Amino acid sequence: MLKKIFEMQRELNMRVGRDTVAAPAEVRESWFHEYSFALLHEAHELSDCSEWKWWSKTIKENPEVMFKKIRDLENAKIEAIDILHFLVSVFQVLGMTAEDVMKVYEMKHAVNHKRQDNDYDVNHKTEDDNNQIKDALRQKN
């Protein structure tokens, strides 16, 4: 399914004039910031589907629902899909295929489990455990 999503996203990107797969790397890299910004904007739109505005009547009357209630579930689902659209575009401008994403996901997933096994503590966090993943990515290139 992930491969199909990547194909569909490339088709949409080509329709708006950006071949996020076949364009030269320097051209794709020039789009990175725009796609990253769009991704962040969509994440903000997703957060607006929840109750977080402390100045609103809803939160003033029910402060316990702040960050705990989805105000518009259907729109939240749509915004999450918008995030996926831009996230796949980011993967593509980084030169990643669906298969690459799956491989890196699996490696990072293992790191996250290892962190949990070792009582992960943000005060002692380092990125050292990501170095094996970076090395694997460098070897691919």
N, C-alpha and C. Protein backbone atom coordinates (compact mmCIF):
# COMPACT_ATOMS: atom_id res chain seq x y z
N MET A 1 0.82 -1.20 0.00
CA MET A 1 0.00 0.00 0.00
C MET A 1 0.86 1.26 0.00
N LEU A 2 1.98 1.22 0.72
CA LEU A 2 2.85 2.38 0.78
C LEU A 2 3.39 2.71 -0.62
N LYS A 3 3.74 1.68 -1.37
CA LYS A 3 4.22 1.90 -2.73
C LYS A 3 3.15 2.59 -3.59
N LYS A 4 1.91 2.18 -3.44
CA LYS A 4 0.80 2.80 -4.18
C LYS A 4 0.66 4.26 -3.79
N ILE A 5 0.77 4.57 -2.50
CA ILE A 5 0.68 5.96 -2.04
C ILE A 5 1.80 6.78 -2.68
N PHE A 6 3.02 6.24 -2.72
CA PHE A 6 4.14 6.95 -3.33
C PHE A 6 3.86 7.22 -4.81
N GLU A 7 3.32 6.23 -5.51
CA GLU A 7 2.99 6.41 -6.93
C GLU A 7 1.93 7.49 -7.11
N MET A 8 0.90 7.45 -6.29
CA MET A 8 -0.18 8.43 -6.39
C MET A 8 0.33 9.84 -6.08
N GLN A 9 1.22 9.94 -5.09
CA GLN A 9 1.73 11.26 -4.74
C GLN A 9 2.62 11.81 -5.84
N ARG A 10 3.43 10.96 -6.44
CA ARG A 10 4.25 11.43 -7.56
C ARG A 10 3.37 11.95 -8.69
N GLU A 11 2.31 11.22 -8.98
CA GLU A 11 1.38 11.63 -10.04
C GLU A 11 0.78 13.01 -9.73
N LEU A 12 0.35 13.22 -8.49
CA LEU A 12 -0.21 14.51 -8.10
C LEU A 12 0.86 15.61 -8.18
N ASN A 13 2.05 15.32 -7.70
CA ASN A 13 3.12 16.31 -7.75
C ASN A 13 3.47 16.68 -9.19
N MET A 14 3.48 15.69 -10.08
CA MET A 14 3.74 15.97 -11.49
C MET A 14 2.64 16.84 -12.08
N ARG A 15 1.43 16.63 -11.63
CA ARG A 15 0.30 17.43 -12.13
C ARG A 15 0.48 18.91 -11.79
N VAL A 16 1.12 19.19 -10.65
CA VAL A 16 1.35 20.59 -10.27
C VAL A 16 2.74 21.08 -10.70
N GLY A 17 3.41 20.28 -11.53
CA GLY A 17 4.66 20.71 -12.13
C GLY A 17 5.93 20.33 -11.39
N ARG A 18 5.85 19.35 -10.51
CA ARG A 18 7.02 18.92 -9.76
C ARG A 18 7.15 17.40 -9.80
N ASP A 19 8.13 16.93 -10.52
CA ASP A 19 8.40 15.49 -10.51
C ASP A 19 9.35 15.24 -9.35
N THR A 20 8.79 14.89 -8.21
CA THR A 20 9.56 14.72 -6.99
C THR A 20 10.41 13.46 -6.98
N VAL A 21 10.35 12.70 -8.07
CA VAL A 21 11.14 11.48 -8.17
C VAL A 21 12.25 11.64 -9.21
N ALA A 22 11.92 12.13 -10.40
CA ALA A 22 12.88 12.14 -11.51
C ALA A 22 13.61 13.47 -11.69
N ALA A 23 13.17 14.52 -11.03
CA ALA A 23 13.89 15.79 -11.16
C ALA A 23 15.29 15.63 -10.60
N PRO A 24 16.25 16.39 -11.12
CA PRO A 24 17.61 16.30 -10.58
C PRO A 24 17.63 16.57 -9.07
N ALA A 25 18.57 15.95 -8.38
CA ALA A 25 18.64 16.05 -6.91
C ALA A 25 18.66 17.49 -6.44
N GLU A 26 19.42 18.36 -7.10
CA GLU A 26 19.50 19.76 -6.65
C GLU A 26 18.16 20.48 -6.79
N VAL A 27 17.38 20.10 -7.79
CA VAL A 27 16.05 20.69 -7.95
C VAL A 27 15.13 20.17 -6.85
N ARG A 28 15.16 18.84 -6.63
CA ARG A 28 14.33 18.28 -5.57
C ARG A 28 14.69 18.89 -4.22
N GLU A 29 15.98 19.05 -3.96
CA GLU A 29 16.42 19.63 -2.69
C GLU A 29 15.92 21.06 -2.53
N SER A 30 15.79 21.79 -3.65
CA SER A 30 15.31 23.17 -3.56
C SER A 30 13.84 23.22 -3.13
N TRP A 31 13.13 22.10 -3.27
CA TRP A 31 11.72 22.03 -2.85
C TRP A 31 11.58 21.58 -1.40
N PHE A 32 12.65 21.11 -0.80
CA PHE A 32 12.60 20.54 0.55
C PHE A 32 11.97 21.50 1.55
N HIS A 33 12.43 22.75 1.58
CA HIS A 33 11.91 23.69 2.56
C HIS A 33 10.41 23.93 2.36
N GLU A 34 9.99 24.07 1.11
CA GLU A 34 8.57 24.31 0.84
C GLU A 34 7.70 23.15 1.32
N TYR A 35 8.13 21.93 1.03
CA TYR A 35 7.35 20.77 1.48
C TYR A 35 7.39 20.64 3.00
N SER A 36 8.54 20.93 3.59
CA SER A 36 8.64 20.88 5.06
C SER A 36 7.72 21.91 5.70
N PHE A 37 7.69 23.10 5.13
CA PHE A 37 6.82 24.16 5.65
C PHE A 37 5.36 23.75 5.51
N ALA A 38 5.00 23.19 4.36
CA ALA A 38 3.62 22.75 4.15
C ALA A 38 3.25 21.65 5.14
N LEU A 39 4.18 20.75 5.39
CA LEU A 39 3.96 19.67 6.36
C LEU A 39 3.69 20.25 7.74
N LEU A 40 4.48 21.21 8.16
CA LEU A 40 4.26 21.85 9.46
C LEU A 40 2.93 22.58 9.51
N HIS A 41 2.58 23.25 8.43
CA HIS A 41 1.30 23.97 8.38
C HIS A 41 0.13 23.00 8.53
N GLU A 42 0.22 21.87 7.85
CA GLU A 42 -0.85 20.87 7.96
C GLU A 42 -0.91 20.30 9.38
N ALA A 43 0.24 20.15 10.02
CA ALA A 43 0.24 19.69 11.42
C ALA A 43 -0.46 20.70 12.32
N HIS A 44 -0.26 21.98 12.03
CA HIS A 44 -0.98 23.01 12.80
C HIS A 44 -2.48 22.91 12.56
N GLU A 45 -2.86 22.68 11.31
CA GLU A 45 -4.28 22.52 11.01
C GLU A 45 -4.86 21.31 11.74
N LEU A 46 -4.09 20.24 11.83
CA LEU A 46 -4.52 19.06 12.58
C LEU A 46 -4.71 19.41 14.06
N SER A 47 -3.77 20.15 14.63
CA SER A 47 -3.89 20.51 16.05
C SER A 47 -5.11 21.40 16.29
N ASP A 48 -5.52 22.15 15.28
CA ASP A 48 -6.72 22.98 15.44
C ASP A 48 -8.00 22.16 15.53
N CYS A 49 -7.91 20.88 15.26
CA CYS A 49 -9.07 20.00 15.41
C CYS A 49 -9.28 19.58 16.86
N SER A 50 -8.35 19.96 17.73
CA SER A 50 -8.48 19.63 19.15
C SER A 50 -8.81 20.88 19.95
N GLU A 51 -9.20 20.66 21.17
CA GLU A 51 -9.48 21.77 22.08
C GLU A 51 -8.18 22.15 22.78
N TRP A 52 -7.60 23.27 22.42
CA TRP A 52 -6.36 23.70 23.05
C TRP A 52 -6.35 25.19 23.36
N LYS A 53 -7.28 25.93 22.83
CA LYS A 53 -7.27 27.39 23.00
C LYS A 53 -7.78 27.76 24.39
N TRP A 54 -6.83 28.00 25.29
CA TRP A 54 -7.16 28.25 26.70
C TRP A 54 -8.05 29.47 26.89
N TRP A 55 -8.09 30.36 25.93
CA TRP A 55 -8.92 31.55 26.04
C TRP A 55 -10.35 31.33 25.58
N SER A 56 -10.62 30.13 25.01
CA SER A 56 -11.96 29.87 24.49
C SER A 56 -12.95 29.57 25.62
N LYS A 57 -14.19 29.82 25.34
CA LYS A 57 -15.26 29.55 26.31
C LYS A 57 -15.26 28.07 26.70
N THR A 58 -15.07 27.19 25.72
CA THR A 58 -15.08 25.75 25.99
C THR A 58 -14.05 25.37 27.05
N ILE A 59 -12.84 25.86 26.91
CA ILE A 59 -11.77 25.50 27.85
C ILE A 59 -11.97 26.23 29.18
N LYS A 60 -12.42 27.46 29.13
CA LYS A 60 -12.66 28.17 30.39
C LYS A 60 -13.70 27.45 31.23
N GLU A 61 -14.73 26.92 30.57
CA GLU A 61 -15.79 26.22 31.29
C GLU A 61 -15.42 24.77 31.61
N ASN A 62 -14.53 24.16 30.82
CA ASN A 62 -14.14 22.75 31.00
C ASN A 62 -12.63 22.61 30.80
N PRO A 63 -11.82 23.14 31.69
CA PRO A 63 -10.37 23.10 31.47
C PRO A 63 -9.80 21.68 31.36
N GLU A 64 -10.51 20.71 31.88
CA GLU A 64 -10.01 19.33 31.83
C GLU A 64 -10.00 18.75 30.42
N VAL A 65 -10.68 19.37 29.46
CA VAL A 65 -10.71 18.83 28.10
C VAL A 65 -9.57 19.38 27.23
N MET A 66 -8.82 20.36 27.76
CA MET A 66 -7.74 20.93 26.95
C MET A 66 -6.75 19.82 26.58
N PHE A 67 -6.46 19.71 25.29
CA PHE A 67 -5.57 18.71 24.71
C PHE A 67 -6.10 17.28 24.82
N LYS A 68 -7.33 17.11 25.27
CA LYS A 68 -7.86 15.76 25.47
C LYS A 68 -9.09 15.47 24.63
N LYS A 69 -9.53 16.44 23.86
CA LYS A 69 -10.76 16.24 23.11
C LYS A 69 -10.56 16.66 21.66
N ILE A 70 -10.95 15.77 20.75
CA ILE A 70 -10.93 16.13 19.33
C ILE A 70 -12.25 16.81 19.03
N ARG A 71 -12.15 18.02 18.59
CA ARG A 71 -13.33 18.84 18.32
C ARG A 71 -14.01 18.44 17.02
N ASP A 72 -13.21 18.05 16.04
CA ASP A 72 -13.74 17.72 14.71
C ASP A 72 -13.00 16.49 14.18
N LEU A 73 -13.49 15.31 14.55
CA LEU A 73 -12.83 14.05 14.22
C LEU A 73 -12.68 13.85 12.71
N GLU A 74 -13.73 14.13 11.96
CA GLU A 74 -13.67 13.91 10.51
C GLU A 74 -12.63 14.81 9.87
N ASN A 75 -12.59 16.08 10.27
CA ASN A 75 -11.59 16.99 9.70
C ASN A 75 -10.18 16.59 10.15
N ALA A 76 -10.05 16.08 11.37
CA ALA A 76 -8.74 15.61 11.85
C ALA A 76 -8.22 14.50 10.93
N LYS A 77 -9.09 13.62 10.52
CA LYS A 77 -8.68 12.53 9.62
C LYS A 77 -8.21 13.09 8.28
N ILE A 78 -8.92 14.10 7.77
CA ILE A 78 -8.55 14.73 6.50
C ILE A 78 -7.21 15.45 6.63
N GLU A 79 -7.02 16.18 7.73
CA GLU A 79 -5.75 16.89 7.94
C GLU A 79 -4.60 15.90 8.08
N ALA A 80 -4.84 14.76 8.71
CA ALA A 80 -3.80 13.74 8.84
C ALA A 80 -3.40 13.22 7.45
N ILE A 81 -4.36 13.07 6.56
CA ILE A 81 -4.06 12.65 5.19
C ILE A 81 -3.29 13.73 4.46
N ASP A 82 -3.63 15.01 4.68
CA ASP A 82 -2.85 16.10 4.08
C ASP A 82 -1.40 16.02 4.53
N ILE A 83 -1.20 15.69 5.81
CA ILE A 83 0.17 15.52 6.32
C ILE A 83 0.87 14.40 5.56
N LEU A 84 0.16 13.31 5.33
CA LEU A 84 0.74 12.19 4.60
C LEU A 84 1.13 12.62 3.18
N HIS A 85 0.28 13.40 2.52
CA HIS A 85 0.62 13.90 1.18
C HIS A 85 1.97 14.61 1.18
N PHE A 86 2.13 15.55 2.09
CA PHE A 86 3.38 16.31 2.12
C PHE A 86 4.54 15.50 2.65
N LEU A 87 4.28 14.59 3.57
CA LEU A 87 5.35 13.74 4.09
C LEU A 87 5.91 12.85 2.99
N VAL A 88 5.05 12.27 2.19
CA VAL A 88 5.52 11.44 1.07
C VAL A 88 6.30 12.29 0.09
N SER A 89 5.85 13.52 -0.15
CA SER A 89 6.61 14.42 -1.03
C SER A 89 7.99 14.70 -0.47
N VAL A 90 8.09 14.89 0.84
CA VAL A 90 9.39 15.10 1.47
C VAL A 90 10.27 13.87 1.26
N PHE A 91 9.72 12.69 1.50
CA PHE A 91 10.50 11.47 1.26
C PHE A 91 11.02 11.44 -0.18
N GLN A 92 10.16 11.79 -1.12
CA GLN A 92 10.55 11.75 -2.52
C GLN A 92 11.64 12.77 -2.84
N VAL A 93 11.54 13.99 -2.31
CA VAL A 93 12.60 14.97 -2.59
C VAL A 93 13.91 14.56 -1.93
N LEU A 94 13.82 13.73 -0.89
CA LEU A 94 15.04 13.20 -0.26
C LEU A 94 15.58 11.99 -1.01
N GLY A 95 14.89 11.61 -2.08
CA GLY A 95 15.34 10.48 -2.89
C GLY A 95 14.97 9.12 -2.33
N MET A 96 13.96 9.09 -1.46
CA MET A 96 13.56 7.83 -0.83
C MET A 96 12.38 7.20 -1.56
N THR A 97 12.43 5.90 -1.68
CA THR A 97 11.31 5.14 -2.22
C THR A 97 10.48 4.61 -1.06
N ALA A 98 9.36 4.01 -1.38
CA ALA A 98 8.53 3.39 -0.35
C ALA A 98 9.33 2.30 0.37
N GLU A 99 10.14 1.56 -0.38
CA GLU A 99 10.95 0.51 0.21
C GLU A 99 12.00 1.09 1.16
N ASP A 100 12.60 2.22 0.76
CA ASP A 100 13.58 2.90 1.62
C ASP A 100 12.93 3.33 2.93
N VAL A 101 11.74 3.91 2.82
CA VAL A 101 11.03 4.37 4.01
C VAL A 101 10.78 3.20 4.95
N MET A 102 10.35 2.08 4.40
CA MET A 102 10.07 0.92 5.23
C MET A 102 11.33 0.43 5.93
N LYS A 103 12.45 0.38 5.21
CA LYS A 103 13.71 -0.09 5.80
C LYS A 103 14.16 0.83 6.93
N VAL A 104 14.13 2.15 6.68
CA VAL A 104 14.57 3.10 7.71
C VAL A 104 13.59 3.09 8.88
N TYR A 105 12.30 2.95 8.58
CA TYR A 105 11.30 2.86 9.65
C TYR A 105 11.61 1.67 10.55
N GLU A 106 11.88 0.53 9.95
CA GLU A 106 12.17 -0.67 10.74
C GLU A 106 13.41 -0.48 11.60
N MET A 107 14.45 0.15 11.04
CA MET A 107 15.66 0.40 11.83
C MET A 107 15.39 1.35 12.99
N LYS A 108 14.68 2.43 12.70
CA LYS A 108 14.38 3.42 13.74
C LYS A 108 13.43 2.83 14.77
N HIS A 109 12.51 2.00 14.34
CA HIS A 109 11.58 1.33 15.24
C HIS A 109 12.35 0.47 16.25
N ALA A 110 13.36 -0.24 15.77
CA ALA A 110 14.19 -1.06 16.65
C ALA A 110 14.94 -0.19 17.66
N VAL A 111 15.44 0.96 17.20
CA VAL A 111 16.12 1.90 18.11
C VAL A 111 15.16 2.37 19.19
N ASN A 112 13.94 2.71 18.79
CA ASN A 112 12.95 3.20 19.76
C ASN A 112 12.61 2.13 20.80
N HIS A 113 12.51 0.89 20.36
CA HIS A 113 12.27 -0.21 21.32
C HIS A 113 13.46 -0.36 22.26
N LYS A 114 14.66 -0.28 21.71
CA LYS A 114 15.87 -0.40 22.54
C LYS A 114 15.89 0.72 23.59
N ARG A 115 15.51 1.93 23.17
CA ARG A 115 15.45 3.05 24.12
C ARG A 115 14.47 2.74 25.25
N GLN A 116 13.33 2.19 24.91
CA GLN A 116 12.34 1.85 25.94
C GLN A 116 12.86 0.74 26.84
N ASP A 117 13.53 -0.24 26.25
CA ASP A 117 14.11 -1.33 27.04
C ASP A 117 15.14 -0.82 28.05
N ASN A 118 15.78 0.29 27.70
CA ASN A 118 16.83 0.86 28.54
C ASN A 118 16.33 2.07 29.35
N ASP A 119 15.02 2.10 29.63
CA ASP A 119 14.43 3.18 30.42
C ASP A 119 14.79 4.56 29.86
N TYR A 120 14.45 4.78 28.63
CA TYR A 120 14.72 6.03 27.93
C TYR A 120 14.43 7.23 28.82
N ASP A 121 15.38 8.13 28.87
CA ASP A 121 15.28 9.33 29.70
C ASP A 121 15.74 10.52 28.87
N VAL A 122 14.87 11.47 28.69
CA VAL A 122 15.19 12.63 27.86
C VAL A 122 16.39 13.41 28.40
N ASN A 123 16.63 13.35 29.69
CA ASN A 123 17.77 14.07 30.27
C ASN A 123 19.12 13.44 29.89
N HIS A 124 19.11 12.20 29.46
CA HIS A 124 20.33 11.52 29.07
C HIS A 124 20.32 11.13 27.59
N LYS A 125 19.44 11.75 26.84
CA LYS A 125 19.26 11.41 25.43
C LYS A 125 20.47 11.85 24.60
N THR A 126 20.87 10.98 23.72
CA THR A 126 21.86 11.32 22.69
C THR A 126 21.32 10.77 21.38
N GLU A 127 21.93 11.20 20.33
CA GLU A 127 21.56 10.67 19.02
C GLU A 127 22.51 9.57 18.58
N ASP A 128 23.37 9.12 19.49
CA ASP A 128 24.35 8.09 19.15
C ASP A 128 23.71 6.84 18.57
N ASP A 129 22.55 6.48 19.10
CA ASP A 129 21.92 5.24 18.63
C ASP A 129 21.35 5.38 17.21
N ASN A 130 21.30 6.61 16.70
CA ASN A 130 20.87 6.80 15.32
C ASN A 130 22.03 6.65 14.33
N ASN A 131 23.26 6.63 14.84
CA ASN A 131 24.42 6.60 13.96
C ASN A 131 24.47 5.36 13.08
N GLN A 132 24.02 4.22 13.59
CA GLN A 132 23.99 3.00 12.76
C GLN A 132 23.05 3.18 11.58
N ILE A 133 21.94 3.85 11.81
CA ILE A 133 21.00 4.10 10.72
C ILE A 133 21.63 5.05 9.70
N LYS A 134 22.27 6.11 10.19
CA LYS A 134 22.95 7.05 9.28
C LYS A 134 24.02 6.35 8.46
N ASP A 135 24.79 5.47 9.11
CA ASP A 135 25.83 4.71 8.40
C ASP A 135 25.22 3.84 7.30
N ALA A 136 24.11 3.19 7.61
CA ALA A 136 23.44 2.35 6.62
C ALA A 136 22.95 3.20 5.44
N LEU A 137 22.44 4.39 5.73
CA LEU A 137 21.98 5.28 4.66
C LEU A 137 23.14 5.78 3.81
N ARG A 138 24.26 6.07 4.44
CA ARG A 138 25.44 6.52 3.69
C ARG A 138 25.95 5.42 2.77
N GLN A 139 25.93 4.17 3.24
CA GLN A 139 26.39 3.05 2.45
C GLN A 139 25.52 2.85 1.21
N LYS A 140 24.24 3.17 1.35
CA LYS A 140 23.31 3.02 0.22
C LYS A 140 23.65 4.02 -0.87
N ASN A 141 24.06 5.22 -0.44
CA ASN A 141 24.37 6.29 -1.42
C ASN A 141 25.76 6.11 -1.89
